[in-house]
Amino acid sequence: CSLQAGLAVLLKAERLFHSSYHSQAVHIRPICRVISHWFAQLPCDGFTVAACLFIVQDASCLAVSWELRQTLTVVFDFFSSSQGKKDWSLFKMFSRTLTDTCPLASQSKVYVDISPKNKEKELLEVSPPPTSVHEAVVQGDKKTYAVYDLLSPSLFNTSRSLNVQLKWKRPQDSSEMPIPTLHAQRYVGGYGLQTGEICTLIYNTHPYRAFPVILLETVPWYLRLYVHTLTIITKGKENKPS
């Protein structure tokens, strides 16, 4: 569908590349193909014919398929550019709205995080009303998502335009910004090739739960890394990664 229909309609380069952060990734992996076997039985009297279809996993993995997964991560900073307002919409971020779903897509959904920061119900509202609400546990915290199913015929209005919006019913204090359970900081220290260093600090603010972490470092072009100098320190003690 390219940019004609579906979620890709929002991918306007002018807006994406002027955001605070964007990252594109392509993941390719081999998976064992599912093999189908037909079994037919013909009795001697010739009056009945039975046929069965068996779908089994190729245990020896002789037949391999390739899975392609593409992801795009974009971060917009409207809190600082909109004079401290947290309200946002698809049109405000991408200068476009969703017009239709891609006919080739078997699933096309938009998730909006509407989880409250505390036990009290937050004073926020999303429009138009979502088609469903999904709850999940992410990093030990219960999350609530408003789900917009683009395959639902009733989702699009007469103008064939879907502009998901989130509004706060009262002004929010900038000091109340929630801290993620897992967050990181990175800085470059020292100077030159001998004393220059990259320091990455990873924080886990969960009171009791540990999480597996995969760290992907993007090294600036002007730095040269020496892998033998890598050190990992956890709670003041040196730790070796798995």
Protein backbone atom coordinates (compact mmCIF):
# COMPACT_ATOMS: atom_id res chain seq x y z
CA CYS A 1 0.00 0.00 0.00
CA SER A 2 3.01 2.28 0.37
CA LEU A 3 1.75 5.73 1.45
CA GLN A 4 -1.73 5.29 -0.02
CA ALA A 5 -3.45 3.56 2.92
CA GLY A 6 -2.80 2.12 6.35
CA LEU A 7 -0.52 3.35 9.12
CA ALA A 8 2.22 4.24 6.62
CA VAL A 9 0.15 7.27 5.58
CA LEU A 10 1.51 9.00 8.71
CA LEU A 11 5.15 8.52 7.70
CA LYS A 12 5.81 12.00 6.41
CA ALA A 13 9.57 12.46 6.25
CA GLU A 14 9.41 16.19 6.92
CA ARG A 15 7.79 15.57 10.32
CA LEU A 16 9.68 12.41 11.27
CA PHE A 17 13.20 13.73 10.69
CA HIS A 18 12.48 16.95 12.60
CA SER A 19 11.40 15.08 15.73
CA SER A 20 13.47 14.85 18.90
CA TYR A 21 14.46 11.23 18.16
CA HIS A 22 13.82 8.67 15.45
CA SER A 23 15.16 5.19 14.88
CA GLN A 24 14.55 2.69 12.10
CA ALA A 25 15.28 -1.01 12.43
CA VAL A 26 15.05 -4.09 10.22
CA HIS A 27 14.96 -7.54 11.85
CA ILE A 28 15.38 -10.69 9.75
CA ARG A 29 15.35 -14.18 11.28
CA PRO A 30 14.93 -17.76 10.01
CA ILE A 31 11.94 -19.75 11.26
CA CYS A 32 11.09 -23.41 10.63
CA ARG A 33 8.36 -23.75 8.06
CA VAL A 34 5.12 -25.58 8.77
CA ILE A 35 4.74 -28.64 6.51
CA SER A 36 1.39 -29.94 5.33
CA HIS A 37 0.88 -33.65 4.56
CA TRP A 38 -2.10 -35.22 2.77
CA PHE A 39 -3.20 -38.75 3.60
CA ALA A 40 -5.79 -40.55 1.48
CA GLN A 41 -7.45 -43.92 2.16
CA LEU A 42 -9.37 -45.82 -0.50
CA PRO A 43 -11.37 -48.85 0.78
CA CYS A 44 -11.66 -51.95 -1.39
CA ASP A 45 -15.39 -51.58 -1.92
CA GLY A 46 -14.82 -48.19 -3.55
CA PHE A 47 -17.82 -46.56 -1.87
CA THR A 48 -15.99 -44.31 0.61
CA VAL A 49 -12.97 -42.09 0.21
CA ALA A 50 -11.28 -40.45 3.22
CA ALA A 51 -8.69 -37.70 3.07
CA CYS A 52 -6.91 -36.07 5.99
CA LEU A 53 -4.69 -33.01 6.19
CA PHE A 54 -1.90 -33.07 8.75
CA ILE A 55 -0.11 -29.84 9.64
CA VAL A 56 3.10 -30.58 11.52
CA GLN A 57 6.16 -28.58 12.49
CA ASP A 58 9.33 -29.54 10.63
CA ALA A 59 11.34 -30.89 13.58
CA SER A 60 14.56 -31.15 11.57
CA CYS A 61 14.00 -27.65 10.18
CA LEU A 62 14.84 -28.68 6.64
CA ALA A 63 12.41 -26.11 5.25
CA VAL A 64 13.19 -22.56 6.43
CA SER A 65 11.20 -19.38 5.94
CA TRP A 66 12.48 -15.88 6.56
CA GLU A 67 10.60 -13.44 8.76
CA LEU A 68 11.02 -9.72 8.05
CA ARG A 69 10.04 -7.20 10.75
CA GLN A 70 10.46 -3.45 10.32
CA THR A 71 10.06 -0.97 13.18
CA LEU A 72 10.07 2.80 13.40
CA THR A 73 10.44 4.63 16.73
CA VAL A 74 9.75 8.37 16.91
CA VAL A 75 9.75 10.68 19.94
CA PHE A 76 7.93 14.03 19.80
CA ASP A 77 8.53 16.63 22.51
CA PHE A 78 5.32 18.65 22.59
CA PHE A 79 5.66 19.47 26.28
CA SER A 80 8.44 21.96 25.61
CA SER A 81 7.27 23.12 22.17
CA SER A 82 3.61 23.62 23.19
CA GLN A 83 4.20 25.82 26.24
CA GLY A 84 3.91 23.00 28.76
CA LYS A 85 0.79 21.35 27.29
CA LYS A 86 0.62 17.58 27.02
CA ASP A 87 -2.29 17.49 24.57
CA TRP A 88 -1.49 15.79 21.28
CA SER A 89 -3.14 14.39 18.17
CA LEU A 90 -2.11 12.44 15.09
CA PHE A 91 -2.47 15.54 12.94
CA LYS A 92 -0.36 17.60 15.34
CA MET A 93 2.45 15.04 15.21
CA PHE A 94 2.38 13.92 11.58
CA SER A 95 0.42 16.71 9.79
CA ARG A 96 -1.79 13.91 8.50
CA THR A 97 -4.64 11.69 9.63
CA LEU A 98 -5.51 8.06 8.96
CA THR A 99 -7.79 7.71 5.98
CA ASP A 100 -8.21 3.98 5.41
CA THR A 101 -6.70 0.61 6.24
CA CYS A 102 -4.45 -1.28 3.87
CA PRO A 103 -6.47 -4.08 2.19
CA LEU A 104 -3.48 -6.43 2.45
CA ALA A 105 -3.14 -6.03 6.24
CA SER A 106 -4.55 -8.80 8.43
CA GLN A 107 -4.13 -6.57 11.50
CA SER A 108 -3.83 -2.79 11.83
CA LYS A 109 -4.24 -1.18 15.24
CA VAL A 110 -3.34 1.99 17.12
CA TYR A 111 -2.64 1.76 20.86
CA VAL A 112 -2.82 4.80 23.15
CA ASP A 113 -1.41 4.53 26.68
CA ILE A 114 -4.06 5.88 29.06
CA SER A 115 -2.61 4.34 32.24
CA PRO A 116 -3.08 6.42 35.40
CA LYS A 117 0.09 7.51 37.21
CA ASN A 118 -1.48 6.87 40.61
CA LYS A 119 -4.40 5.00 42.08
CA GLU A 120 -6.77 7.84 41.30
CA LYS A 121 -8.30 8.07 37.84
CA GLU A 122 -6.43 10.52 35.67
CA LEU A 123 -8.34 13.43 34.18
CA LEU A 124 -7.64 12.68 30.54
CA GLU A 125 -9.80 11.73 27.61
CA VAL A 126 -9.17 10.30 24.17
CA SER A 127 -11.31 10.94 21.11
CA PRO A 128 -12.90 9.46 19.18
CA PRO A 129 -13.97 6.65 21.54
CA PRO A 130 -11.74 3.57 21.07
CA THR A 131 -13.06 0.32 19.69
CA SER A 132 -11.76 -1.57 22.75
CA VAL A 133 -9.55 -1.27 25.85
CA HIS A 134 -6.57 -3.56 26.48
CA GLU A 135 -4.81 -4.17 29.78
CA ALA A 136 -1.32 -5.65 30.11
CA VAL A 137 1.58 -5.87 32.56
CA VAL A 138 4.69 -4.10 31.26
CA GLN A 139 7.88 -4.23 33.36
CA GLY A 140 5.87 -5.07 36.44
CA ASP A 141 3.40 -2.20 36.03
CA LYS A 142 -0.22 -2.53 34.95
CA LYS A 143 -0.88 -0.63 31.74
CA THR A 144 -4.16 0.34 30.12
CA TYR A 145 -4.36 1.01 26.39
CA ALA A 146 -7.12 2.44 24.24
CA VAL A 147 -7.20 0.36 21.05
CA TYR A 148 -8.28 1.65 17.64
CA ASP A 149 -8.83 -1.21 15.20
CA LEU A 150 -8.49 0.17 11.68
CA LEU A 151 -10.26 -2.91 10.30
CA SER A 152 -13.45 -1.92 12.13
CA PRO A 153 -15.91 -0.37 9.61
CA SER A 154 -17.44 1.93 12.23
CA LEU A 155 -14.14 3.56 13.19
CA PHE A 156 -13.89 5.99 10.28
CA ASN A 157 -16.41 8.77 10.03
CA THR A 158 -18.10 10.11 6.91
CA SER A 159 -15.05 12.20 6.01
CA ARG A 160 -12.87 9.06 5.99
CA SER A 161 -10.47 10.67 8.44
CA LEU A 162 -9.32 9.35 11.83
CA ASN A 163 -7.51 11.86 14.03
CA VAL A 164 -6.82 10.28 17.42
CA GLN A 165 -6.51 12.97 20.11
CA LEU A 166 -5.61 13.00 23.79
CA LYS A 167 -6.60 15.93 25.98
CA TRP A 168 -6.08 16.69 29.65
CA LYS A 169 -9.09 18.06 31.50
CA ARG A 170 -6.89 20.20 33.76
CA PRO A 171 -3.37 21.66 33.44
CA GLN A 172 -0.59 19.31 34.46
CA ASP A 173 2.39 20.22 36.62
CA SER A 174 5.71 19.73 34.82
CA SER A 175 7.22 18.31 38.02
CA GLU A 176 4.79 15.38 37.92
CA MET A 177 6.37 13.76 34.88
CA PRO A 178 6.55 10.02 35.63
CA ILE A 179 9.92 8.26 35.75
CA PRO A 180 10.01 5.02 33.73
CA THR A 181 10.81 1.80 35.57
CA LEU A 182 13.80 1.30 33.27
CA HIS A 183 15.65 4.38 32.07
CA ALA A 184 19.20 5.21 31.06
CA GLN A 185 21.67 8.06 30.77
CA ARG A 186 24.82 8.26 28.67
CA TYR A 187 27.65 10.75 28.51
CA VAL A 188 31.10 11.04 26.93
CA GLY A 189 34.02 11.82 29.24
CA GLY A 190 37.76 12.33 29.02
CA TYR A 191 39.54 13.38 25.87
CA GLY A 192 41.56 11.80 23.07
CA LEU A 193 41.91 8.11 22.26
CA GLN A 194 43.77 7.30 25.47
CA THR A 195 41.48 8.78 28.13
CA GLY A 196 38.19 9.21 26.26
CA GLU A 197 35.31 7.07 27.49
CA ILE A 198 31.60 6.42 27.08
CA CYS A 199 29.63 5.94 30.30
CA THR A 200 26.12 4.49 30.22
CA LEU A 201 24.03 4.43 33.41
CA ILE A 202 21.00 2.10 33.48
CA TYR A 203 18.48 2.48 36.30
CA ASN A 204 15.84 0.04 37.53
CA THR A 205 13.42 1.83 39.86
CA HIS A 206 11.21 -1.20 40.50
CA PRO A 207 11.15 -1.97 44.24
CA TYR A 208 11.92 -5.68 43.95
CA ARG A 209 11.88 -7.00 40.36
CA ALA A 210 14.88 -7.54 38.07
CA PHE A 211 14.67 -7.31 34.27
CA PRO A 212 16.83 -8.66 31.44
CA VAL A 213 18.39 -5.82 29.46
CA ILE A 214 19.67 -5.73 25.89
CA LEU A 215 21.87 -2.69 25.39
CA LEU A 216 22.52 -1.35 21.88
CA GLU A 217 25.15 1.37 21.77
CA THR A 218 25.37 3.88 18.94
CA VAL A 219 29.00 4.99 18.91
CA PRO A 220 29.81 8.51 17.68
CA TRP A 221 31.95 8.54 14.57
CA TYR A 222 34.77 10.44 16.31
CA LEU A 223 35.30 7.77 19.01
CA ARG A 224 37.30 4.57 18.68
CA LEU A 225 36.33 1.74 20.99
CA TYR A 226 38.71 -0.71 22.65
CA VAL A 227 36.60 -3.71 23.64
CA HIS A 228 39.17 -5.03 26.13
CA THR A 229 38.60 -1.93 28.29
CA LEU A 230 34.87 -2.67 28.74
CA THR A 231 33.84 -2.74 32.40
CA ILE A 232 30.37 -3.31 33.84
CA ILE A 233 29.73 -2.30 37.44
CA THR A 234 26.51 -3.17 39.31
CA LYS A 235 26.01 -1.78 42.82
CA GLY A 236 29.70 -1.03 43.10
CA LYS A 237 30.84 -4.53 42.03
CA GLU A 238 32.14 -5.57 38.64
CA ASN A 239 29.68 -7.68 36.66
CA LYS A 240 30.12 -9.73 33.50
CA PRO A 241 27.35 -9.71 30.88
CA SER A 242 25.75 -12.94 29.72
